[in-house]
Amino acid sequence: MTSTHQICARDVRVRLGGRWVVDGVDFDAAAGQITAIVGPNGSGKTTLLRALAGLVEFTGRITHGADDLRALEAAKRAQRVAYLPQLSLLNAMLSVRQVVALARYASQPGLLSSTRDDDALVDRALARTNLSSLDRHAYPKLSGGEQRRVLLARALATGASTLLLDEPTASLDLKHSLALFELLGSLAQEGYCIVVVLHDLDDVQRYAQHATLLDAGRARMCGAPDSAAFEQAVEHIYGVSLVASDRLGFRLRPSPTGPVSARS
C-alpha cells in the first residue's frame, strides 16, 4: 500500500444555479486507500466528486498525479479516472458485457472491434463484480442493484487507477454492499485511489482510511473518520450526538479467494 497523493485539489469552487455549491475546497486523496466524502444533504458532495472527474466547470486547481486536470484530453482523462454516478441514464438494450466493454473505447477511439487485451479486461471486471453469469442479460432489464454493479464493472474495465464513486451502495442489498466494500478494500490494497461519497457514517468509519467532511460547500474537517476530532465535527455539522449502537452484525461467508468483510 502506498500513501502518494493521487488527487490534489486546491481552492476548488463550483457555481451552479447562481450559488457556490463548492466554495474554496482543498482536498487530497492518496493511492492505496479509500477516501470518503461525507456531509449533510446539499453540502456539495456530488458536485465536488464531479469536479474531481472533470465533469463540471470549476475554478481553482485539481491535479491527478503530476498532471493538471484541465490539461488532460477527454480520452486521456477517461483512461486515468473512472466515475460511477448515482444514477445512469443508460437505457439502450445492450447486454451487460456490451455495457462493460464500452469502457475500452477511450483506449482506442474510432475502433469498432475489441482486442484480446480488451476482452481480458472486460472478463476480469465482470468476474470481480460477480457478473460473469449475467454477461448476456439485457442491461435495462436488470434490477437497480445489478445495474450499479454493471456500472462499477465498466469503471474497472477502463483500467483507470483512480475510481470516483457516488453512493455506490445505493440499491444494493446487504450481501452485495459487503461484497462491494470488500472489493474496494482489495483495490485499494492493489494501489488504486478510491474516492467515494457515502451517507452512512458507520460505513465511513469501517471502510475509509481518510474522510473529508463538507458543509455548505466547504471542507470543515479532514482526517481519520474514527478520530475524536472528526466525530466531534460530525456532531456539530449534523446537529446530533453520536452513540455506540448495538446493531446486528453481518459478514460475508468465508471465501478461499479473499478476506471476510464484517459489518455490525
C-alpha atoms as a PDB file:
ATOM      1  CA  MET A   1       0.000   0.000   0.000  1.00  0.00           C
ATOM      2  CA  THR A   2       1.263   3.496  -0.810  1.00  0.00           C
ATOM      3  CA  SER A   3       0.381   6.920   0.519  1.00  0.00           C
ATOM      4  CA  THR A   4       1.201   9.056  -2.531  1.00  0.00           C
ATOM      5  CA  HIS A   5      -1.359  11.754  -3.224  1.00  0.00           C
ATOM      6  CA  GLN A   6      -3.089  10.764  -6.443  1.00  0.00           C
ATOM      7  CA  ILE A   7      -5.568  13.656  -6.336  1.00  0.00           C
ATOM      8  CA  CYS A   8      -4.744  17.118  -5.071  1.00  0.00           C
ATOM      9  CA  ALA A   9      -7.368  19.894  -5.207  1.00  0.00           C
ATOM     10  CA  ARG A  10      -6.781  23.441  -4.031  1.00  0.00           C
ATOM     11  CA  ASP A  11      -9.304  26.248  -3.601  1.00  0.00           C
ATOM     12  CA  VAL A  12     -11.856  24.484  -5.809  1.00  0.00           C
ATOM     13  CA  ARG A  13     -15.085  26.366  -6.438  1.00  0.00           C
ATOM     14  CA  VAL A  14     -18.127  25.331  -8.467  1.00  0.00           C
ATOM     15  CA  ARG A  15     -21.019  27.684  -9.132  1.00  0.00           C
ATOM     16  CA  LEU A  16     -24.407  26.204 -10.037  1.00  0.00           C
ATOM     17  CA  GLY A  17     -27.794  27.889 -10.141  1.00  0.00           C
ATOM     18  CA  GLY A  18     -26.340  31.213  -9.102  1.00  0.00           C
ATOM     19  CA  ARG A  19     -24.646  29.980  -5.918  1.00  0.00           C
ATOM     20  CA  TRP A  20     -21.330  28.470  -4.896  1.00  0.00           C
ATOM     21  CA  VAL A  21     -22.148  24.787  -4.390  1.00  0.00           C
ATOM     22  CA  VAL A  22     -18.467  24.067  -3.732  1.00  0.00           C
ATOM     23  CA  ASP A  23     -16.734  27.031  -2.140  1.00  0.00           C
ATOM     24  CA  GLY A  24     -12.967  27.004  -1.768  1.00  0.00           C
ATOM     25  CA  VAL A  25     -12.370  23.332  -1.005  1.00  0.00           C
ATOM     26  CA  ASP A  26      -8.925  21.797  -0.512  1.00  0.00           C
ATOM     27  CA  PHE A  27      -8.963  18.032  -0.962  1.00  0.00           C
ATOM     28  CA  ASP A  28      -6.409  15.218  -1.116  1.00  0.00           C
ATOM     29  CA  ALA A  29      -6.806  11.530  -1.877  1.00  0.00           C
ATOM     30  CA  ALA A  30      -3.990   9.012  -1.771  1.00  0.00           C
ATOM     31  CA  ALA A  31      -3.307   5.949  -3.839  1.00  0.00           C
ATOM     32  CA  GLY A  32      -3.672   2.803  -1.781  1.00  0.00           C
ATOM     33  CA  GLN A  33      -6.569   3.923   0.382  1.00  0.00           C
ATOM     34  CA  ILE A  34     -10.287   4.689   0.450  1.00  0.00           C
ATOM     35  CA  THR A  35     -11.113   8.363   0.906  1.00  0.00           C
ATOM     36  CA  ALA A  36     -14.712   9.250   1.777  1.00  0.00           C
ATOM     37  CA  ILE A  37     -16.559  12.491   1.098  1.00  0.00           C
ATOM     38  CA  VAL A  38     -19.311  12.976   3.664  1.00  0.00           C
ATOM     39  CA  GLY A  39     -21.703  15.690   4.743  1.00  0.00           C
ATOM     40  CA  PRO A  40     -25.385  16.592   5.065  1.00  0.00           C
ATOM     41  CA  ASN A  41     -27.702  16.733   2.071  1.00  0.00           C
ATOM     42  CA  GLY A  42     -26.864  19.688  -0.136  1.00  0.00           C
ATOM     43  CA  SER A  43     -23.346  20.076   1.224  1.00  0.00           C
ATOM     44  CA  GLY A  44     -21.715  19.731  -2.218  1.00  0.00           C
ATOM     45  CA  LYS A  45     -20.501  16.121  -2.109  1.00  0.00           C
ATOM     46  CA  THR A  46     -21.618  15.034  -5.572  1.00  0.00           C
ATOM     47  CA  THR A  47     -20.578  18.329  -7.153  1.00  0.00           C
ATOM     48  CA  LEU A  48     -17.090  18.059  -5.675  1.00  0.00           C
ATOM     49  CA  LEU A  49     -16.803  14.478  -6.954  1.00  0.00           C
ATOM     50  CA  ARG A  50     -17.878  15.600 -10.435  1.00  0.00           C
ATOM     51  CA  ALA A  51     -15.305  18.383 -10.345  1.00  0.00           C
ATOM     52  CA  LEU A  52     -12.602  15.852  -9.456  1.00  0.00           C
ATOM     53  CA  ALA A  53     -13.705  13.861 -12.512  1.00  0.00           C
ATOM     54  CA  GLY A  54     -13.570  16.938 -14.749  1.00  0.00           C
ATOM     55  CA  LEU A  55     -17.314  16.824 -15.431  1.00  0.00           C
ATOM     56  CA  VAL A  56     -18.214  20.337 -14.265  1.00  0.00           C
ATOM     57  CA  GLU A  57     -16.571  23.720 -14.684  1.00  0.00           C
ATOM     58  CA  PHE A  58     -14.574  24.819 -11.659  1.00  0.00           C
ATOM     59  CA  THR A  59     -12.114  27.417 -10.521  1.00  0.00           C
ATOM     60  CA  GLY A  60      -9.006  26.549  -8.560  1.00  0.00           C
ATOM     61  CA  ARG A  61      -6.651  23.693  -9.373  1.00  0.00           C
ATOM     62  CA  ILE A  62      -7.050  19.917  -9.480  1.00  0.00           C
ATOM     63  CA  THR A  63      -4.198  17.571 -10.288  1.00  0.00           C
ATOM     64  CA  HIS A  64      -4.198  13.835 -10.870  1.00  0.00           C
ATOM     65  CA  GLY A  65      -0.694  12.661 -10.185  1.00  0.00           C
ATOM     66  CA  ALA A  66       1.610  15.182 -11.816  1.00  0.00           C
ATOM     67  CA  ASP A  67      -0.962  16.304 -14.400  1.00  0.00           C
ATOM     68  CA  ASP A  68      -3.291  19.267 -14.213  1.00  0.00           C
ATOM     69  CA  LEU A  69      -6.840  18.012 -14.801  1.00  0.00           C
ATOM     70  CA  ARG A  70      -7.582  20.772 -17.303  1.00  0.00           C
ATOM     71  CA  ALA A  71      -4.570  19.748 -19.405  1.00  0.00           C
ATOM     72  CA  LEU A  72      -5.786  16.180 -19.862  1.00  0.00           C
ATOM     73  CA  GLU A  73      -7.698  15.469 -23.056  1.00  0.00           C
ATOM     74  CA  ALA A  74     -11.012  13.698 -22.553  1.00  0.00           C
ATOM     75  CA  ALA A  75      -9.700  10.320 -23.743  1.00  0.00           C
ATOM     76  CA  LYS A  76      -6.605  10.536 -21.529  1.00  0.00           C
ATOM     77  CA  ARG A  77      -8.739  11.584 -18.558  1.00  0.00           C
ATOM     78  CA  ALA A  78     -11.042   8.609 -19.100  1.00  0.00           C
ATOM     79  CA  GLN A  79      -8.044   6.275 -19.027  1.00  0.00           C
ATOM     80  CA  ARG A  80      -6.861   7.774 -15.716  1.00  0.00           C
ATOM     81  CA  VAL A  81     -10.117   8.432 -13.864  1.00  0.00           C
ATOM     82  CA  ALA A  82     -13.304   6.334 -13.800  1.00  0.00           C
ATOM     83  CA  TYR A  83     -16.515   7.881 -12.475  1.00  0.00           C
ATOM     84  CA  LEU A  84     -19.510   5.955 -11.129  1.00  0.00           C
ATOM     85  CA  PRO A  85     -22.555   8.269 -10.857  1.00  0.00           C
ATOM     86  CA  GLN A  86     -25.525   7.948  -8.511  1.00  0.00           C
ATOM     87  CA  LEU A  87     -27.845   7.414 -11.464  1.00  0.00           C
ATOM     88  CA  SER A  88     -27.237   6.422 -15.052  1.00  0.00           C
ATOM     89  CA  LEU A  89     -29.386   7.487 -17.997  1.00  0.00           C
ATOM     90  CA  LEU A  90     -28.243   4.464 -19.977  1.00  0.00           C
ATOM     91  CA  ASN A  91     -31.310   2.603 -21.278  1.00  0.00           C
ATOM     92  CA  ALA A  92     -30.107   1.143 -24.575  1.00  0.00           C
ATOM     93  CA  MET A  93     -30.909  -2.535 -24.983  1.00  0.00           C
ATOM     94  CA  LEU A  94     -27.284  -3.595 -24.626  1.00  0.00           C
ATOM     95  CA  SER A  95     -26.070  -6.719 -22.912  1.00  0.00           C
ATOM     96  CA  VAL A  96     -24.161  -6.484 -19.652  1.00  0.00           C
ATOM     97  CA  ARG A  97     -20.971  -7.379 -21.472  1.00  0.00           C
ATOM     98  CA  GLN A  98     -21.542  -4.716 -24.111  1.00  0.00           C
ATOM     99  CA  VAL A  99     -22.063  -2.057 -21.442  1.00  0.00           C
ATOM    100  CA  VAL A 100     -18.853  -3.016 -19.654  1.00  0.00           C
ATOM    101  CA  ALA A 101     -16.969  -3.166 -22.964  1.00  0.00           C
ATOM    102  CA  LEU A 102     -17.871   0.487 -23.630  1.00  0.00           C
ATOM    103  CA  ALA A 103     -15.143   1.307 -21.122  1.00  0.00           C
ATOM    104  CA  ARG A 104     -12.488   0.271 -23.621  1.00  0.00           C
ATOM    105  CA  TYR A 105     -13.492   2.892 -26.205  1.00  0.00           C
ATOM    106  CA  ALA A 106     -11.348   5.586 -24.569  1.00  0.00           C
ATOM    107  CA  SER A 107      -8.240   3.469 -25.120  1.00  0.00           C
ATOM    108  CA  GLN A 108      -8.770   3.234 -28.871  1.00  0.00           C
ATOM    109  CA  PRO A 109     -11.486   5.644 -30.026  1.00  0.00           C
ATOM    110  CA  GLY A 110     -12.813   5.002 -33.501  1.00  0.00           C
ATOM    111  CA  LEU A 111     -12.131   1.264 -33.485  1.00  0.00           C
ATOM    112  CA  LEU A 112     -15.172  -0.964 -33.637  1.00  0.00           C
ATOM    113  CA  SER A 113     -13.536  -4.270 -32.735  1.00  0.00           C
ATOM    114  CA  SER A 114     -12.050  -5.224 -29.386  1.00  0.00           C
ATOM    115  CA  THR A 115      -8.586  -6.621 -28.855  1.00  0.00           C
ATOM    116  CA  ARG A 116      -7.624  -9.673 -26.836  1.00  0.00           C
ATOM    117  CA  ASP A 117      -6.426  -7.353 -24.067  1.00  0.00           C
ATOM    118  CA  ASP A 118      -9.775  -5.530 -24.106  1.00  0.00           C
ATOM    119  CA  ASP A 119     -11.652  -8.814 -23.765  1.00  0.00           C
ATOM    120  CA  ALA A 120      -9.424  -9.888 -20.887  1.00  0.00           C
ATOM    121  CA  LEU A 121     -10.041  -6.630 -19.003  1.00  0.00           C
ATOM    122  CA  VAL A 122     -13.802  -6.944 -19.522  1.00  0.00           C
ATOM    123  CA  ASP A 123     -13.756 -10.568 -18.343  1.00  0.00           C
ATOM    124  CA  ARG A 124     -11.799  -9.599 -15.227  1.00  0.00           C
ATOM    125  CA  ALA A 125     -14.148  -6.704 -14.436  1.00  0.00           C
ATOM    126  CA  LEU A 126     -17.201  -8.951 -14.780  1.00  0.00           C
ATOM    127  CA  ALA A 127     -15.629 -11.580 -12.537  1.00  0.00           C
ATOM    128  CA  ARG A 128     -14.620  -9.101  -9.842  1.00  0.00           C
ATOM    129  CA  THR A 129     -18.174  -7.752  -9.633  1.00  0.00           C
ATOM    130  CA  ASN A 130     -19.786 -11.226  -9.729  1.00  0.00           C
ATOM    131  CA  LEU A 131     -21.493 -10.530 -13.047  1.00  0.00           C
ATOM    132  CA  SER A 132     -19.995 -13.209 -15.287  1.00  0.00           C
ATOM    133  CA  SER A 133     -23.209 -15.251 -15.203  1.00  0.00           C
ATOM    134  CA  LEU A 134     -25.228 -12.203 -16.305  1.00  0.00           C
ATOM    135  CA  ASP A 135     -22.980 -11.098 -19.161  1.00  0.00           C
ATOM    136  CA  ARG A 136     -25.589 -11.843 -21.855  1.00  0.00           C
ATOM    137  CA  HIS A 137     -28.521 -10.304 -19.992  1.00  0.00           C
ATOM    138  CA  ALA A 138     -30.005  -7.013 -21.204  1.00  0.00           C
ATOM    139  CA  TYR A 139     -28.830  -4.165 -19.011  1.00  0.00           C
ATOM    140  CA  PRO A 140     -32.219  -2.325 -18.838  1.00  0.00           C
ATOM    141  CA  LYS A 141     -33.925  -5.482 -17.559  1.00  0.00           C
ATOM    142  CA  LEU A 142     -31.652  -5.815 -14.522  1.00  0.00           C
ATOM    143  CA  SER A 143     -32.561  -4.643 -11.035  1.00  0.00           C
ATOM    144  CA  GLY A 144     -31.258  -1.315  -9.810  1.00  0.00           C
ATOM    145  CA  GLY A 145     -28.633  -3.017  -7.668  1.00  0.00           C
ATOM    146  CA  GLU A 146     -27.450  -5.183 -10.547  1.00  0.00           C
ATOM    147  CA  GLN A 147     -27.174  -2.141 -12.777  1.00  0.00           C
ATOM    148  CA  ARG A 148     -24.972  -0.458 -10.158  1.00  0.00           C
ATOM    149  CA  ARG A 149     -22.637  -3.443 -10.253  1.00  0.00           C
ATOM    150  CA  VAL A 150     -22.512  -3.293 -14.059  1.00  0.00           C
ATOM    151  CA  LEU A 151     -21.510   0.365 -13.911  1.00  0.00           C
ATOM    152  CA  LEU A 152     -18.795  -0.491 -11.393  1.00  0.00           C
ATOM    153  CA  ALA A 153     -17.553  -3.234 -13.714  1.00  0.00           C
ATOM    154  CA  ARG A 154     -17.472  -0.708 -16.541  1.00  0.00           C
ATOM    155  CA  ALA A 155     -15.396   1.634 -14.361  1.00  0.00           C
ATOM    156  CA  LEU A 156     -12.947  -1.182 -13.584  1.00  0.00           C
ATOM    157  CA  ALA A 157     -12.680  -2.139 -17.261  1.00  0.00           C
ATOM    158  CA  THR A 158     -11.314   1.294 -18.129  1.00  0.00           C
ATOM    159  CA  GLY A 159      -8.065   0.303 -16.469  1.00  0.00           C
ATOM    160  CA  ALA A 160      -8.072   3.640 -14.619  1.00  0.00           C
ATOM    161  CA  SER A 161      -6.142   3.727 -11.353  1.00  0.00           C
ATOM    162  CA  THR A 162      -8.486   6.301  -9.791  1.00  0.00           C
ATOM    163  CA  LEU A 163     -12.117   5.418  -9.089  1.00  0.00           C
ATOM    164  CA  LEU A 164     -14.659   8.096  -8.110  1.00  0.00           C
ATOM    165  CA  LEU A 165     -17.898   6.564  -6.799  1.00  0.00           C
ATOM    166  CA  ASP A 166     -21.048   8.439  -5.829  1.00  0.00           C
ATOM    167  CA  GLU A 167     -23.034   6.484  -3.207  1.00  0.00           C
ATOM    168  CA  PRO A 168     -22.086   3.117  -4.719  1.00  0.00           C
ATOM    169  CA  THR A 169     -24.143   1.068  -2.242  1.00  0.00           C
ATOM    170  CA  ALA A 170     -27.421   2.724  -3.286  1.00  0.00           C
ATOM    171  CA  SER A 171     -29.898  -0.010  -4.326  1.00  0.00           C
ATOM    172  CA  LEU A 172     -27.556  -2.783  -3.175  1.00  0.00           C
ATOM    173  CA  ASP A 173     -28.755  -5.403  -0.717  1.00  0.00           C
ATOM    174  CA  LEU A 174     -26.735  -6.242   2.392  1.00  0.00           C
ATOM    175  CA  LYS A 175     -24.706  -9.052   0.822  1.00  0.00           C
ATOM    176  CA  HIS A 176     -23.726  -7.056  -2.223  1.00  0.00           C
ATOM    177  CA  SER A 177     -22.939  -3.970  -0.116  1.00  0.00           C
ATOM    178  CA  LEU A 178     -20.500  -6.026   1.926  1.00  0.00           C
ATOM    179  CA  ALA A 179     -19.025  -7.521  -1.243  1.00  0.00           C
ATOM    180  CA  LEU A 180     -18.619  -4.045  -2.722  1.00  0.00           C
ATOM    181  CA  PHE A 181     -16.682  -2.747   0.270  1.00  0.00           C
ATOM    182  CA  GLU A 182     -14.542  -5.883   0.259  1.00  0.00           C
ATOM    183  CA  LEU A 183     -13.758  -5.258  -3.413  1.00  0.00           C
ATOM    184  CA  LEU A 184     -12.963  -1.585  -2.836  1.00  0.00           C
ATOM    185  CA  GLY A 185     -10.657  -2.557   0.009  1.00  0.00           C
ATOM    186  CA  SER A 186      -8.869  -5.065  -2.232  1.00  0.00           C
ATOM    187  CA  LEU A 187      -8.492  -2.472  -4.976  1.00  0.00           C
ATOM    188  CA  ALA A 188      -7.022  -0.004  -2.505  1.00  0.00           C
ATOM    189  CA  GLN A 189      -4.541  -2.653  -1.378  1.00  0.00           C
ATOM    190  CA  GLU A 190      -3.549  -3.046  -5.021  1.00  0.00           C
ATOM    191  CA  GLY A 191      -2.754   0.671  -5.207  1.00  0.00           C
ATOM    192  CA  TYR A 192      -5.962   2.166  -6.582  1.00  0.00           C
ATOM    193  CA  CYS A 193      -7.036   5.602  -5.422  1.00  0.00           C
ATOM    194  CA  ILE A 194     -10.645   5.210  -4.270  1.00  0.00           C
ATOM    195  CA  VAL A 195     -12.806   8.274  -3.584  1.00  0.00           C
ATOM    196  CA  VAL A 196     -16.357   7.548  -2.501  1.00  0.00           C
ATOM    197  CA  VAL A 197     -19.330   9.686  -1.485  1.00  0.00           C
ATOM    198  CA  LEU A 198     -21.108   7.984   1.418  1.00  0.00           C
ATOM    199  CA  HIS A 199     -24.106   8.839   3.593  1.00  0.00           C
ATOM    200  CA  ASP A 200     -23.782   6.044   6.150  1.00  0.00           C
ATOM    201  CA  LEU A 201     -21.250   7.278   8.716  1.00  0.00           C
ATOM    202  CA  ASP A 202     -20.909   3.746  10.061  1.00  0.00           C
ATOM    203  CA  ASP A 203     -19.641   2.641   6.638  1.00  0.00           C
ATOM    204  CA  VAL A 204     -17.283   5.623   6.566  1.00  0.00           C
ATOM    205  CA  GLN A 205     -15.701   4.626   9.873  1.00  0.00           C
ATOM    206  CA  ARG A 206     -15.470   0.951   8.964  1.00  0.00           C
ATOM    207  CA  TYR A 207     -14.078   1.169   5.465  1.00  0.00           C
ATOM    208  CA  ALA A 208     -12.459   4.562   4.811  1.00  0.00           C
ATOM    209  CA  GLN A 209      -8.959   5.446   5.937  1.00  0.00           C
ATOM    210  CA  HIS A 210      -9.458   9.162   5.325  1.00  0.00           C
ATOM    211  CA  ALA A 211     -12.524  11.403   5.046  1.00  0.00           C
ATOM    212  CA  THR A 212     -13.413  14.969   4.159  1.00  0.00           C
ATOM    213  CA  LEU A 213     -16.474  16.445   5.873  1.00  0.00           C
ATOM    214  CA  LEU A 214     -18.336  19.046   3.806  1.00  0.00           C
ATOM    215  CA  ASP A 215     -20.913  21.564   4.956  1.00  0.00           C
ATOM    216  CA  ALA A 216     -22.438  24.340   2.830  1.00  0.00           C
ATOM    217  CA  GLY A 217     -19.847  23.717   0.135  1.00  0.00           C
ATOM    218  CA  ARG A 218     -16.817  23.989   2.398  1.00  0.00           C
ATOM    219  CA  ALA A 219     -14.472  21.390   3.863  1.00  0.00           C
ATOM    220  CA  ARG A 220     -14.911  21.589   7.619  1.00  0.00           C
ATOM    221  CA  MET A 221     -12.724  18.648   8.643  1.00  0.00           C
ATOM    222  CA  CYS A 222     -10.274  16.240   7.020  1.00  0.00           C
ATOM    223  CA  GLY A 223      -8.732  13.232   8.699  1.00  0.00           C
ATOM    224  CA  ALA A 224      -9.276   9.741  10.023  1.00  0.00           C
ATOM    225  CA  PRO A 225     -13.051   9.232  10.343  1.00  0.00           C
ATOM    226  CA  ASP A 226     -12.728   7.328  13.620  1.00  0.00           C
ATOM    227  CA  SER A 227     -10.738  10.079  15.332  1.00  0.00           C
ATOM    228  CA  ALA A 228     -12.254  12.023  18.213  1.00  0.00           C
ATOM    229  CA  ALA A 229     -11.819  15.325  16.342  1.00  0.00           C
ATOM    230  CA  PHE A 230     -13.676  14.018  13.290  1.00  0.00           C
ATOM    231  CA  GLU A 231     -16.513  12.638  15.399  1.00  0.00           C
ATOM    232  CA  GLN A 232     -16.850  15.977  17.179  1.00  0.00           C
ATOM    233  CA  ALA A 233     -17.017  17.767  13.829  1.00  0.00           C
ATOM    234  CA  VAL A 234     -19.739  15.350  12.661  1.00  0.00           C
ATOM    235  CA  GLU A 235     -21.785  16.024  15.790  1.00  0.00           C
ATOM    236  CA  HIS A 236     -21.501  19.766  15.232  1.00  0.00           C
ATOM    237  CA  ILE A 237     -22.285  19.728  11.498  1.00  0.00           C
ATOM    238  CA  TYR A 238     -25.155  17.242  11.677  1.00  0.00           C
ATOM    239  CA  GLY A 239     -26.532  18.538  14.971  1.00  0.00           C
ATOM    240  CA  VAL A 240     -26.598  15.071  16.526  1.00  0.00           C
ATOM    241  CA  SER A 241     -24.911  13.140  19.317  1.00  0.00           C
ATOM    242  CA  LEU A 242     -23.039  10.001  18.343  1.00  0.00           C
ATOM    243  CA  VAL A 243     -23.841   6.933  20.421  1.00  0.00           C
ATOM    244  CA  ALA A 244     -22.471   3.402  20.354  1.00  0.00           C
ATOM    245  CA  SER A 245     -25.174   1.211  18.824  1.00  0.00           C
ATOM    246  CA  ASP A 246     -25.991  -2.449  19.264  1.00  0.00           C
ATOM    247  CA  ARG A 247     -26.664  -3.164  15.603  1.00  0.00           C
ATOM    248  CA  LEU A 248     -26.900  -6.691  14.301  1.00  0.00           C
ATOM    249  CA  GLY A 249     -23.601  -7.901  12.885  1.00  0.00           C
ATOM    250  CA  PHE A 250     -23.162  -9.434   9.442  1.00  0.00           C
ATOM    251  CA  ARG A 251     -20.241 -10.736   7.444  1.00  0.00           C
ATOM    252  CA  LEU A 252     -19.731 -12.395   4.103  1.00  0.00           C
ATOM    253  CA  ARG A 253     -19.315 -16.139   4.357  1.00  0.00           C
ATOM    254  CA  PRO A 254     -15.629 -17.106   4.289  1.00  0.00           C
ATOM    255  CA  SER A 255     -14.218 -17.377   0.784  1.00  0.00           C
ATOM    256  CA  PRO A 256     -10.994 -19.177  -0.167  1.00  0.00           C
ATOM    257  CA  THR A 257     -10.150 -16.290  -2.531  1.00  0.00           C
ATOM    258  CA  GLY A 258     -10.183 -13.333  -0.207  1.00  0.00           C
ATOM    259  CA  PRO A 259     -10.724 -11.786   3.229  1.00  0.00           C
ATOM    260  CA  VAL A 260     -14.019 -11.550   5.039  1.00  0.00           C
ATOM    261  CA  SER A 261     -15.802  -8.205   5.451  1.00  0.00           C
ATOM    262  CA  ALA A 262     -17.840  -7.579   8.571  1.00  0.00           C
ATOM    263  CA  ARG A 263     -20.475  -5.059   9.468  1.00  0.00           C
ATOM    264  CA  SER A 264     -22.287  -4.552  12.734  1.00  0.00           C
END
